[in-house]
Amino acid sequence: MLQKEALEQFIKAALAEDIGSGDHSTLASIPAETAGTARLKIKEDGVLAGMEVAEAIFRLLDDTTRFVPFKNDGDPMQAGEIAFEVSARVRTLLSAERLVLNCMQRMSGIATLTRKYTDRLKGYHTRVLDTRKTTPNFRMLEKEAVRIGGGVNHRIGLYDMIMLKDNHIDFSGGITPAVERVVAYLKANNLDLKIEVETRNIEDVKEVLKVGQMHRIMLDNFTPEQIAPALELIGGKYETEASGGITLENVEAYAKTGVDYVSVGAIIHHAVSLDLSLKAVIHP
């Protein structure tokens, strides 16, 4: 779920970037106390995401905003539907319009693509994970969109989980010294973080099992056929994650192996924003 303080900080920074010294088009044409209503129109089919964010944007600019949702985050949406109606000062509606649309279009695209993956995994034990392949300063909303689409959030950043990838391992001189240093570091700094270790072949898996002391084993660029013997060796002792080259076309083949997770960076970085528009409601 979105953290209120972090969301507010993001909105303030985004509005400052867009409004700068002032929304002069609006300031020049709209009297300060003019009130109005607008509706968010859906122009493409998909999965709706960003309703909570949109309401927070309007309310940050105008705490008297009246926000009426007609759909919820995660709902399927169809072209022609209305997601919400919002009433506030017209200056608020116009200054917030582009930020609301940018967030909701991007989030809805991610939620829609994520849902396609999770639909392929129905009936299987395997869950789809996101990655850190995100847009700088927009990660919180992108990962929220993954959650809305039915995916599972991997680590948020570099601070909330240990992940020993190929470069960590190579620079450390191997899996064993890398894991041993991490365990010592966590103990010395009184940190309680889960440890994941990347493996690149079956020999790496054997070494990881020998050194132990982690929570999850990543099977990087393993084919489904290569994962089966790796899972047999692991024997359920640790969580398992398949990563690398996983697509909508082959994700079910990975799920059939029984691997716990598949991580798919594409659900964020290959997602295409969906078309939405905010239109004024003008009564005759």
C-alpha atoms as a PDB file:
ATOM      1  CA  MET A   1       0.000   0.000   0.000  1.00  0.00           C
ATOM      2  CA  LEU A   2       1.087   3.590  -0.576  1.00  0.00           C
ATOM      3  CA  GLN A   3       2.619   5.410   2.365  1.00  0.00           C
ATOM      4  CA  LYS A   4       0.804   8.710   2.907  1.00  0.00           C
ATOM      5  CA  GLU A   5       3.910  10.732   3.743  1.00  0.00           C
ATOM      6  CA  ALA A   6       5.918   9.396   0.792  1.00  0.00           C
ATOM      7  CA  LEU A   7       3.000   9.964  -1.584  1.00  0.00           C
ATOM      8  CA  GLU A   8       2.576  13.546  -0.389  1.00  0.00           C
ATOM      9  CA  GLN A   9       6.287  14.194  -0.854  1.00  0.00           C
ATOM     10  CA  PHE A  10       6.131  12.812  -4.397  1.00  0.00           C
ATOM     11  CA  ILE A  11       3.085  14.919  -5.299  1.00  0.00           C
ATOM     12  CA  LYS A  12       4.658  18.117  -3.978  1.00  0.00           C
ATOM     13  CA  ALA A  13       7.841  17.506  -5.974  1.00  0.00           C
ATOM     14  CA  ALA A  14       5.912  16.656  -9.137  1.00  0.00           C
ATOM     15  CA  LEU A  15       3.684  19.722  -8.855  1.00  0.00           C
ATOM     16  CA  ALA A  16       6.706  21.937  -8.206  1.00  0.00           C
ATOM     17  CA  GLU A  17       8.329  20.577 -11.367  1.00  0.00           C
ATOM     18  CA  ASP A  18       5.210  21.266 -13.444  1.00  0.00           C
ATOM     19  CA  ILE A  19       3.853  24.484 -11.964  1.00  0.00           C
ATOM     20  CA  GLY A  20       7.141  26.220 -11.178  1.00  0.00           C
ATOM     21  CA  SER A  21       6.533  29.955 -10.691  1.00  0.00           C
ATOM     22  CA  GLY A  22       2.847  29.507 -11.489  1.00  0.00           C
ATOM     23  CA  ASP A  23       0.296  27.962 -13.836  1.00  0.00           C
ATOM     24  CA  HIS A  24       0.028  31.248 -15.690  1.00  0.00           C
ATOM     25  CA  SER A  25      -2.438  29.977 -18.312  1.00  0.00           C
ATOM     26  CA  THR A  26      -4.892  29.156 -15.553  1.00  0.00           C
ATOM     27  CA  LEU A  27      -4.090  32.134 -13.312  1.00  0.00           C
ATOM     28  CA  ALA A  28      -4.663  34.493 -16.222  1.00  0.00           C
ATOM     29  CA  SER A  29      -7.955  33.015 -17.428  1.00  0.00           C
ATOM     30  CA  ILE A  30      -9.767  31.624 -14.374  1.00  0.00           C
ATOM     31  CA  PRO A  31     -10.919  33.757 -11.389  1.00  0.00           C
ATOM     32  CA  ALA A  32      -9.625  32.398  -8.074  1.00  0.00           C
ATOM     33  CA  GLU A  33     -12.952  31.309  -6.566  1.00  0.00           C
ATOM     34  CA  THR A  34     -14.506  29.788  -9.690  1.00  0.00           C
ATOM     35  CA  ALA A  35     -15.657  26.244  -8.933  1.00  0.00           C
ATOM     36  CA  GLY A  36     -16.134  23.419 -11.393  1.00  0.00           C
ATOM     37  CA  THR A  37     -16.470  19.704 -12.014  1.00  0.00           C
ATOM     38  CA  ALA A  38     -14.550  17.325 -14.248  1.00  0.00           C
ATOM     39  CA  ARG A  39     -14.745  13.632 -15.081  1.00  0.00           C
ATOM     40  CA  LEU A  40     -12.019  11.141 -15.872  1.00  0.00           C
ATOM     41  CA  LYS A  41     -12.954   9.462 -19.147  1.00  0.00           C
ATOM     42  CA  ILE A  42     -11.542   6.022 -20.008  1.00  0.00           C
ATOM     43  CA  LYS A  43     -10.480   5.719 -23.653  1.00  0.00           C
ATOM     44  CA  GLU A  44      -8.830   2.261 -23.685  1.00  0.00           C
ATOM     45  CA  ASP A  45      -9.668  -1.151 -22.230  1.00  0.00           C
ATOM     46  CA  GLY A  46      -7.432  -2.430 -19.440  1.00  0.00           C
ATOM     47  CA  VAL A  47      -6.996  -2.460 -15.663  1.00  0.00           C
ATOM     48  CA  LEU A  48      -7.562   0.787 -13.791  1.00  0.00           C
ATOM     49  CA  ALA A  49      -4.845   2.031 -11.431  1.00  0.00           C
ATOM     50  CA  GLY A  50      -4.052   5.324  -9.696  1.00  0.00           C
ATOM     51  CA  MET A  51      -7.415   6.306  -8.210  1.00  0.00           C
ATOM     52  CA  GLU A  52      -5.927   6.789  -4.740  1.00  0.00           C
ATOM     53  CA  VAL A  53      -3.107   8.863  -6.215  1.00  0.00           C
ATOM     54  CA  ALA A  54      -5.495  11.057  -8.204  1.00  0.00           C
ATOM     55  CA  GLU A  55      -7.622  11.872  -5.180  1.00  0.00           C
ATOM     56  CA  ALA A  56      -4.513  12.693  -3.136  1.00  0.00           C
ATOM     57  CA  ILE A  57      -3.276  15.116  -5.837  1.00  0.00           C
ATOM     58  CA  PHE A  58      -6.544  17.046  -5.939  1.00  0.00           C
ATOM     59  CA  ARG A  59      -6.863  17.163  -2.143  1.00  0.00           C
ATOM     60  CA  LEU A  60      -3.299  18.383  -1.673  1.00  0.00           C
ATOM     61  CA  LEU A  61      -4.109  21.383  -3.868  1.00  0.00           C
ATOM     62  CA  ASP A  62      -7.596  21.945  -2.455  1.00  0.00           C
ATOM     63  CA  ASP A  63      -8.781  20.295   0.770  1.00  0.00           C
ATOM     64  CA  THR A  64     -12.403  21.138  -0.112  1.00  0.00           C
ATOM     65  CA  THR A  65     -12.252  18.811  -3.134  1.00  0.00           C
ATOM     66  CA  ARG A  66     -15.227  16.480  -3.628  1.00  0.00           C
ATOM     67  CA  PHE A  67     -14.017  13.237  -5.208  1.00  0.00           C
ATOM     68  CA  VAL A  68     -16.617  10.682  -6.316  1.00  0.00           C
ATOM     69  CA  PRO A  69     -15.194   7.355  -7.570  1.00  0.00           C
ATOM     70  CA  PHE A  70     -17.211   5.212  -9.954  1.00  0.00           C
ATOM     71  CA  LYS A  71     -14.568   2.478 -10.152  1.00  0.00           C
ATOM     72  CA  ASN A  72     -11.792   1.151  -7.915  1.00  0.00           C
ATOM     73  CA  ASP A  73      -8.103   0.445  -8.417  1.00  0.00           C
ATOM     74  CA  GLY A  74      -7.754  -2.995  -9.964  1.00  0.00           C
ATOM     75  CA  ASP A  75     -11.143  -2.940 -11.696  1.00  0.00           C
ATOM     76  CA  PRO A  76     -11.322  -3.871 -15.376  1.00  0.00           C
ATOM     77  CA  MET A  77     -12.117  -0.783 -17.438  1.00  0.00           C
ATOM     78  CA  GLN A  78     -13.575  -0.260 -20.872  1.00  0.00           C
ATOM     79  CA  ALA A  79     -13.405   2.650 -23.285  1.00  0.00           C
ATOM     80  CA  GLY A  80     -16.297   5.041 -22.684  1.00  0.00           C
ATOM     81  CA  GLU A  81     -16.572   4.484 -18.941  1.00  0.00           C
ATOM     82  CA  ILE A  82     -16.092   7.202 -16.310  1.00  0.00           C
ATOM     83  CA  ALA A  83     -13.605   6.471 -13.516  1.00  0.00           C
ATOM     84  CA  PHE A  84     -14.422   9.389 -11.228  1.00  0.00           C
ATOM     85  CA  GLU A  85     -15.979  12.838 -10.941  1.00  0.00           C
ATOM     86  CA  VAL A  86     -14.161  15.591  -9.089  1.00  0.00           C
ATOM     87  CA  SER A  87     -15.437  18.994  -7.960  1.00  0.00           C
ATOM     88  CA  ALA A  88     -13.082  21.716  -6.741  1.00  0.00           C
ATOM     89  CA  ARG A  89     -11.817  25.165  -7.639  1.00  0.00           C
ATOM     90  CA  VAL A  90     -11.234  25.230 -11.376  1.00  0.00           C
ATOM     91  CA  ARG A  91      -7.632  26.333 -10.819  1.00  0.00           C
ATOM     92  CA  THR A  92      -7.121  23.131  -8.856  1.00  0.00           C
ATOM     93  CA  LEU A  93      -8.627  20.985 -11.608  1.00  0.00           C
ATOM     94  CA  LEU A  94      -6.489  22.545 -14.324  1.00  0.00           C
ATOM     95  CA  SER A  95      -3.220  22.595 -12.372  1.00  0.00           C
ATOM     96  CA  ALA A  96      -3.656  18.965 -11.285  1.00  0.00           C
ATOM     97  CA  GLU A  97      -4.907  17.636 -14.638  1.00  0.00           C
ATOM     98  CA  ARG A  98      -1.630  16.613 -16.280  1.00  0.00           C
ATOM     99  CA  LEU A  99      -0.078  15.092 -13.149  1.00  0.00           C
ATOM    100  CA  VAL A 100      -3.219  13.037 -12.498  1.00  0.00           C
ATOM    101  CA  LEU A 101      -3.298  11.801 -16.091  1.00  0.00           C
ATOM    102  CA  ASN A 102       0.424  11.052 -16.260  1.00  0.00           C
ATOM    103  CA  CYS A 103       0.244   8.964 -13.076  1.00  0.00           C
ATOM    104  CA  MET A 104      -2.968   7.122 -13.893  1.00  0.00           C
ATOM    105  CA  GLN A 105      -2.091   6.402 -17.535  1.00  0.00           C
ATOM    106  CA  ARG A 106       1.304   4.979 -16.576  1.00  0.00           C
ATOM    107  CA  MET A 107      -0.023   3.023 -13.599  1.00  0.00           C
ATOM    108  CA  SER A 108      -2.944   1.605 -15.575  1.00  0.00           C
ATOM    109  CA  GLY A 109      -0.577   0.425 -18.305  1.00  0.00           C
ATOM    110  CA  ILE A 110       1.573  -1.397 -15.753  1.00  0.00           C
ATOM    111  CA  ALA A 111      -1.416  -2.897 -13.945  1.00  0.00           C
ATOM    112  CA  THR A 112      -2.838  -4.097 -17.267  1.00  0.00           C
ATOM    113  CA  LEU A 113       0.372  -5.822 -18.348  1.00  0.00           C
ATOM    114  CA  THR A 114       0.879  -7.318 -14.885  1.00  0.00           C
ATOM    115  CA  ARG A 115      -2.657  -8.737 -14.976  1.00  0.00           C
ATOM    116  CA  LYS A 116      -1.836 -10.484 -18.257  1.00  0.00           C
ATOM    117  CA  TYR A 117       1.027 -12.287 -16.530  1.00  0.00           C
ATOM    118  CA  THR A 118      -0.948 -13.140 -13.390  1.00  0.00           C
ATOM    119  CA  ASP A 119      -3.799 -14.479 -15.521  1.00  0.00           C
ATOM    120  CA  ARG A 120      -1.318 -16.892 -17.158  1.00  0.00           C
ATOM    121  CA  LEU A 121      -0.303 -18.111 -13.683  1.00  0.00           C
ATOM    122  CA  LYS A 122      -3.806 -18.916 -12.436  1.00  0.00           C
ATOM    123  CA  GLY A 123      -3.887 -22.387 -10.953  1.00  0.00           C
ATOM    124  CA  TYR A 124      -0.124 -22.467 -10.385  1.00  0.00           C
ATOM    125  CA  HIS A 125       1.907 -21.991  -7.216  1.00  0.00           C
ATOM    126  CA  THR A 126       4.239 -19.489  -8.940  1.00  0.00           C
ATOM    127  CA  ARG A 127       3.858 -15.726  -8.384  1.00  0.00           C
ATOM    128  CA  VAL A 128       5.142 -12.883 -10.550  1.00  0.00           C
ATOM    129  CA  LEU A 129       7.612 -10.402  -9.028  1.00  0.00           C
ATOM    130  CA  ASP A 130       8.594  -6.936 -10.184  1.00  0.00           C
ATOM    131  CA  THR A 131      12.192  -5.637 -10.169  1.00  0.00           C
ATOM    132  CA  ARG A 132      14.175  -2.433  -9.601  1.00  0.00           C
ATOM    133  CA  LYS A 133      14.029  -1.694 -13.343  1.00  0.00           C
ATOM    134  CA  THR A 134      11.869   1.338 -12.673  1.00  0.00           C
ATOM    135  CA  THR A 135      11.664   5.050 -13.507  1.00  0.00           C
ATOM    136  CA  PRO A 136      13.715   7.188 -11.072  1.00  0.00           C
ATOM    137  CA  ASN A 137      11.477   8.903  -8.503  1.00  0.00           C
ATOM    138  CA  PHE A 138       8.399   7.060  -9.830  1.00  0.00           C
ATOM    139  CA  ARG A 139       9.202   3.614  -8.424  1.00  0.00           C
ATOM    140  CA  MET A 140       6.663   3.813  -5.597  1.00  0.00           C
ATOM    141  CA  LEU A 141       3.757   4.281  -8.005  1.00  0.00           C
ATOM    142  CA  GLU A 142       5.062   1.746 -10.516  1.00  0.00           C
ATOM    143  CA  LYS A 143       5.334  -0.918  -7.835  1.00  0.00           C
ATOM    144  CA  GLU A 144       1.900   0.010  -6.506  1.00  0.00           C
ATOM    145  CA  ALA A 145       0.560  -0.533 -10.024  1.00  0.00           C
ATOM    146  CA  VAL A 146       2.156  -4.004 -10.077  1.00  0.00           C
ATOM    147  CA  ARG A 147       0.423  -4.810  -6.793  1.00  0.00           C
ATOM    148  CA  ILE A 148      -2.894  -3.532  -8.170  1.00  0.00           C
ATOM    149  CA  GLY A 149      -2.426  -5.756 -11.219  1.00  0.00           C
ATOM    150  CA  GLY A 150      -1.991  -8.814  -8.997  1.00  0.00           C
ATOM    151  CA  GLY A 151       1.804  -9.053  -8.907  1.00  0.00           C
ATOM    152  CA  VAL A 152       4.109  -9.178  -5.899  1.00  0.00           C
ATOM    153  CA  ASN A 153       6.573  -6.435  -5.035  1.00  0.00           C
ATOM    154  CA  HIS A 154      10.212  -7.522  -4.800  1.00  0.00           C
ATOM    155  CA  ARG A 155      12.582  -5.370  -2.723  1.00  0.00           C
ATOM    156  CA  ILE A 156      11.754  -1.675  -2.873  1.00  0.00           C
ATOM    157  CA  GLY A 157      15.370  -0.521  -3.067  1.00  0.00           C
ATOM    158  CA  LEU A 158      18.906  -1.391  -2.077  1.00  0.00           C
ATOM    159  CA  TYR A 159      18.128  -0.938   1.612  1.00  0.00           C
ATOM    160  CA  ASP A 160      15.383  -3.445   2.427  1.00  0.00           C
ATOM    161  CA  MET A 161      16.894  -6.763   1.286  1.00  0.00           C
ATOM    162  CA  ILE A 162      20.279  -8.294   0.524  1.00  0.00           C
ATOM    163  CA  MET A 163      20.576  -9.459  -3.073  1.00  0.00           C
ATOM    164  CA  LEU A 164      23.941 -10.870  -4.112  1.00  0.00           C
ATOM    165  CA  LYS A 165      23.978 -10.694  -7.900  1.00  0.00           C
ATOM    166  CA  ASP A 166      26.704 -11.728 -10.327  1.00  0.00           C
ATOM    167  CA  ASN A 167      28.835  -8.595  -9.868  1.00  0.00           C
ATOM    168  CA  HIS A 168      28.700  -8.787  -6.060  1.00  0.00           C
ATOM    169  CA  ILE A 169      29.774 -12.418  -6.256  1.00  0.00           C
ATOM    170  CA  ASP A 170      32.534 -11.854  -8.807  1.00  0.00           C
ATOM    171  CA  PHE A 171      33.986  -8.848  -6.983  1.00  0.00           C
ATOM    172  CA  SER A 172      33.846 -10.797  -3.705  1.00  0.00           C
ATOM    173  CA  GLY A 173      35.729 -13.771  -5.138  1.00  0.00           C
ATOM    174  CA  GLY A 174      32.823 -16.204  -5.187  1.00  0.00           C
ATOM    175  CA  ILE A 175      29.523 -17.167  -3.618  1.00  0.00           C
ATOM    176  CA  THR A 176      30.922 -18.488  -0.341  1.00  0.00           C
ATOM    177  CA  PRO A 177      32.997 -15.432   0.659  1.00  0.00           C
ATOM    178  CA  ALA A 178      30.187 -13.104  -0.473  1.00  0.00           C
ATOM    179  CA  VAL A 179      27.580 -14.842   1.710  1.00  0.00           C
ATOM    180  CA  GLU A 180      29.912 -15.119   4.685  1.00  0.00           C
ATOM    181  CA  ARG A 181      30.720 -11.398   4.537  1.00  0.00           C
ATOM    182  CA  VAL A 182      27.022 -10.528   4.326  1.00  0.00           C
ATOM    183  CA  VAL A 183      26.150 -12.666   7.337  1.00  0.00           C
ATOM    184  CA  ALA A 184      28.952 -11.052   9.350  1.00  0.00           C
ATOM    185  CA  TYR A 185      27.903  -7.559   8.218  1.00  0.00           C
ATOM    186  CA  LEU A 186      24.265  -8.077   9.201  1.00  0.00           C
ATOM    187  CA  LYS A 187      25.273  -9.385  12.607  1.00  0.00           C
ATOM    188  CA  ALA A 188      27.749  -6.552  13.237  1.00  0.00           C
ATOM    189  CA  ASN A 189      25.168  -3.927  12.281  1.00  0.00           C
ATOM    190  CA  ASN A 190      22.211  -5.623  13.998  1.00  0.00           C
ATOM    191  CA  LEU A 191      20.235  -5.763  10.749  1.00  0.00           C
ATOM    192  CA  ASP A 192      17.431  -8.214  10.055  1.00  0.00           C
ATOM    193  CA  LEU A 193      17.345  -8.441   6.248  1.00  0.00           C
ATOM    194  CA  LYS A 194      16.509 -11.393   4.036  1.00  0.00           C
ATOM    195  CA  ILE A 195      19.289 -12.667   1.786  1.00  0.00           C
ATOM    196  CA  GLU A 196      18.902 -13.711  -1.832  1.00  0.00           C
ATOM    197  CA  VAL A 197      21.765 -15.163  -3.880  1.00  0.00           C
ATOM    198  CA  GLU A 198      21.939 -15.345  -7.660  1.00  0.00           C
ATOM    199  CA  THR A 199      23.100 -18.581  -9.272  1.00  0.00           C
ATOM    200  CA  ARG A 200      24.122 -18.931 -12.907  1.00  0.00           C
ATOM    201  CA  ASN A 201      24.406 -22.712 -13.239  1.00  0.00           C
ATOM    202  CA  ILE A 202      23.838 -25.943 -11.342  1.00  0.00           C
ATOM    203  CA  GLU A 203      27.320 -25.781  -9.786  1.00  0.00           C
ATOM    204  CA  ASP A 204      26.435 -22.420  -8.264  1.00  0.00           C
ATOM    205  CA  VAL A 205      23.280 -23.972  -6.820  1.00  0.00           C
ATOM    206  CA  LYS A 206      25.352 -26.701  -5.181  1.00  0.00           C
ATOM    207  CA  GLU A 207      27.702 -24.110  -3.663  1.00  0.00           C
ATOM    208  CA  VAL A 208      24.813 -22.011  -2.373  1.00  0.00           C
ATOM    209  CA  LEU A 209      23.297 -25.057  -0.693  1.00  0.00           C
ATOM    210  CA  LYS A 210      26.631 -25.851   0.894  1.00  0.00           C
ATOM    211  CA  VAL A 211      27.155 -22.369   2.366  1.00  0.00           C
ATOM    212  CA  GLY A 212      23.481 -21.909   3.343  1.00  0.00           C
ATOM    213  CA  GLN A 213      22.411 -18.952   5.513  1.00  0.00           C
ATOM    214  CA  MET A 214      20.137 -17.328   2.905  1.00  0.00           C
ATOM    215  CA  HIS A 215      16.381 -17.133   2.277  1.00  0.00           C
ATOM    216  CA  ARG A 216      15.990 -17.301  -1.486  1.00  0.00           C
ATOM    217  CA  ILE A 217      17.943 -18.684  -4.425  1.00  0.00           C
ATOM    218  CA  MET A 218      17.696 -16.917  -7.771  1.00  0.00           C
ATOM    219  CA  LEU A 219      18.015 -19.143 -10.821  1.00  0.00           C
ATOM    220  CA  ASP A 220      19.231 -16.617 -13.376  1.00  0.00           C
ATOM    221  CA  ASN A 221      18.731 -17.326 -17.080  1.00  0.00           C
ATOM    222  CA  PHE A 222      17.865 -20.972 -16.378  1.00  0.00           C
ATOM    223  CA  THR A 223      15.526 -22.543 -18.904  1.00  0.00           C
ATOM    224  CA  PRO A 224      12.488 -24.386 -17.521  1.00  0.00           C
ATOM    225  CA  GLU A 225      14.325 -27.639 -18.321  1.00  0.00           C
ATOM    226  CA  GLN A 226      17.329 -26.491 -16.254  1.00  0.00           C
ATOM    227  CA  ILE A 227      15.173 -25.373 -13.349  1.00  0.00           C
ATOM    228  CA  ALA A 228      13.729 -28.829 -12.682  1.00  0.00           C
ATOM    229  CA  PRO A 229      17.009 -30.451 -11.492  1.00  0.00           C
ATOM    230  CA  ALA A 230      17.893 -27.273  -9.547  1.00  0.00           C
ATOM    231  CA  LEU A 231      14.605 -27.415  -7.658  1.00  0.00           C
ATOM    232  CA  GLU A 232      15.185 -31.081  -6.948  1.00  0.00           C
ATOM    233  CA  LEU A 233      18.555 -30.237  -5.361  1.00  0.00           C
ATOM    234  CA  ILE A 234      17.075 -27.360  -3.347  1.00  0.00           C
ATOM    235  CA  GLY A 235      14.302 -29.598  -2.108  1.00  0.00           C
ATOM    236  CA  GLY A 236      12.119 -26.801  -0.772  1.00  0.00           C
ATOM    237  CA  LYS A 237      14.742 -25.689   1.743  1.00  0.00           C
ATOM    238  CA  TYR A 238      14.782 -22.152   0.344  1.00  0.00           C
ATOM    239  CA  GLU A 239      12.456 -19.951  -1.683  1.00  0.00           C
ATOM    240  CA  THR A 240      13.254 -20.016  -5.396  1.00  0.00           C
ATOM    241  CA  GLU A 241      13.051 -17.345  -8.076  1.00  0.00           C
ATOM    242  CA  ALA A 242      13.494 -17.710 -11.821  1.00  0.00           C
ATOM    243  CA  SER A 243      14.803 -14.606 -13.567  1.00  0.00           C
ATOM    244  CA  GLY A 244      15.877 -13.581 -17.049  1.00  0.00           C
ATOM    245  CA  GLY A 245      14.146 -13.952 -20.401  1.00  0.00           C
ATOM    246  CA  ILE A 246      10.690 -14.607 -18.972  1.00  0.00           C
ATOM    247  CA  THR A 247       7.862 -13.483 -21.250  1.00  0.00           C
ATOM    248  CA  LEU A 248       4.119 -13.894 -21.608  1.00  0.00           C
ATOM    249  CA  GLU A 249       4.808 -16.686 -24.067  1.00  0.00           C
ATOM    250  CA  ASN A 250       6.977 -18.803 -21.728  1.00  0.00           C
ATOM    251  CA  VAL A 251       5.878 -17.798 -18.222  1.00  0.00           C
ATOM    252  CA  GLU A 252       3.529 -20.784 -17.930  1.00  0.00           C
ATOM    253  CA  ALA A 253       6.384 -23.166 -18.761  1.00  0.00           C
ATOM    254  CA  TYR A 254       8.289 -21.718 -15.788  1.00  0.00           C
ATOM    255  CA  ALA A 255       5.232 -22.019 -13.557  1.00  0.00           C
ATOM    256  CA  LYS A 256       4.919 -25.707 -14.443  1.00  0.00           C
ATOM    257  CA  THR A 257       8.337 -26.313 -12.813  1.00  0.00           C
ATOM    258  CA  GLY A 258       6.947 -25.309  -9.404  1.00  0.00           C
ATOM    259  CA  VAL A 259       9.390 -22.411  -8.891  1.00  0.00           C
ATOM    260  CA  ASP A 260       8.087 -20.026  -6.212  1.00  0.00           C
ATOM    261  CA  TYR A 261       8.556 -16.773  -8.120  1.00  0.00           C
ATOM    262  CA  VAL A 262       9.302 -15.455 -11.583  1.00  0.00           C
ATOM    263  CA  SER A 263      10.744 -11.939 -11.737  1.00  0.00           C
ATOM    264  CA  VAL A 264       9.768  -9.934 -14.797  1.00  0.00           C
ATOM    265  CA  GLY A 265      11.223  -6.476 -15.318  1.00  0.00           C
ATOM    266  CA  ALA A 266       9.061  -6.069 -18.424  1.00  0.00           C
ATOM    267  CA  ILE A 267       5.850  -5.616 -16.440  1.00  0.00           C
ATOM    268  CA  ILE A 268       7.164  -2.139 -15.659  1.00  0.00           C
ATOM    269  CA  HIS A 269       9.667  -1.139 -18.319  1.00  0.00           C
ATOM    270  CA  HIS A 270       7.722  -2.586 -21.273  1.00  0.00           C
ATOM    271  CA  ALA A 271       4.286  -1.417 -20.132  1.00  0.00           C
ATOM    272  CA  VAL A 272       2.513   1.068 -22.424  1.00  0.00           C
ATOM    273  CA  SER A 273       0.502   3.884 -20.865  1.00  0.00           C
ATOM    274  CA  LEU A 274      -3.251   3.730 -21.448  1.00  0.00           C
ATOM    275  CA  ASP A 275      -5.308   6.623 -22.784  1.00  0.00           C
ATOM    276  CA  LEU A 276      -7.374   8.599 -20.252  1.00  0.00           C
ATOM    277  CA  SER A 277      -8.655  12.168 -20.303  1.00  0.00           C
ATOM    278  CA  LEU A 278      -9.998  14.664 -17.767  1.00  0.00           C
ATOM    279  CA  LYS A 279     -12.899  16.652 -19.201  1.00  0.00           C
ATOM    280  CA  ALA A 280     -14.845  19.562 -17.793  1.00  0.00           C
ATOM    281  CA  VAL A 281     -18.517  19.013 -17.015  1.00  0.00           C
ATOM    282  CA  ILE A 282     -20.394  22.025 -18.398  1.00  0.00           C
ATOM    283  CA  HIS A 283     -24.073  22.324 -17.513  1.00  0.00           C
ATOM    284  CA  PRO A 284     -26.283  24.245 -19.979  1.00  0.00           C
END
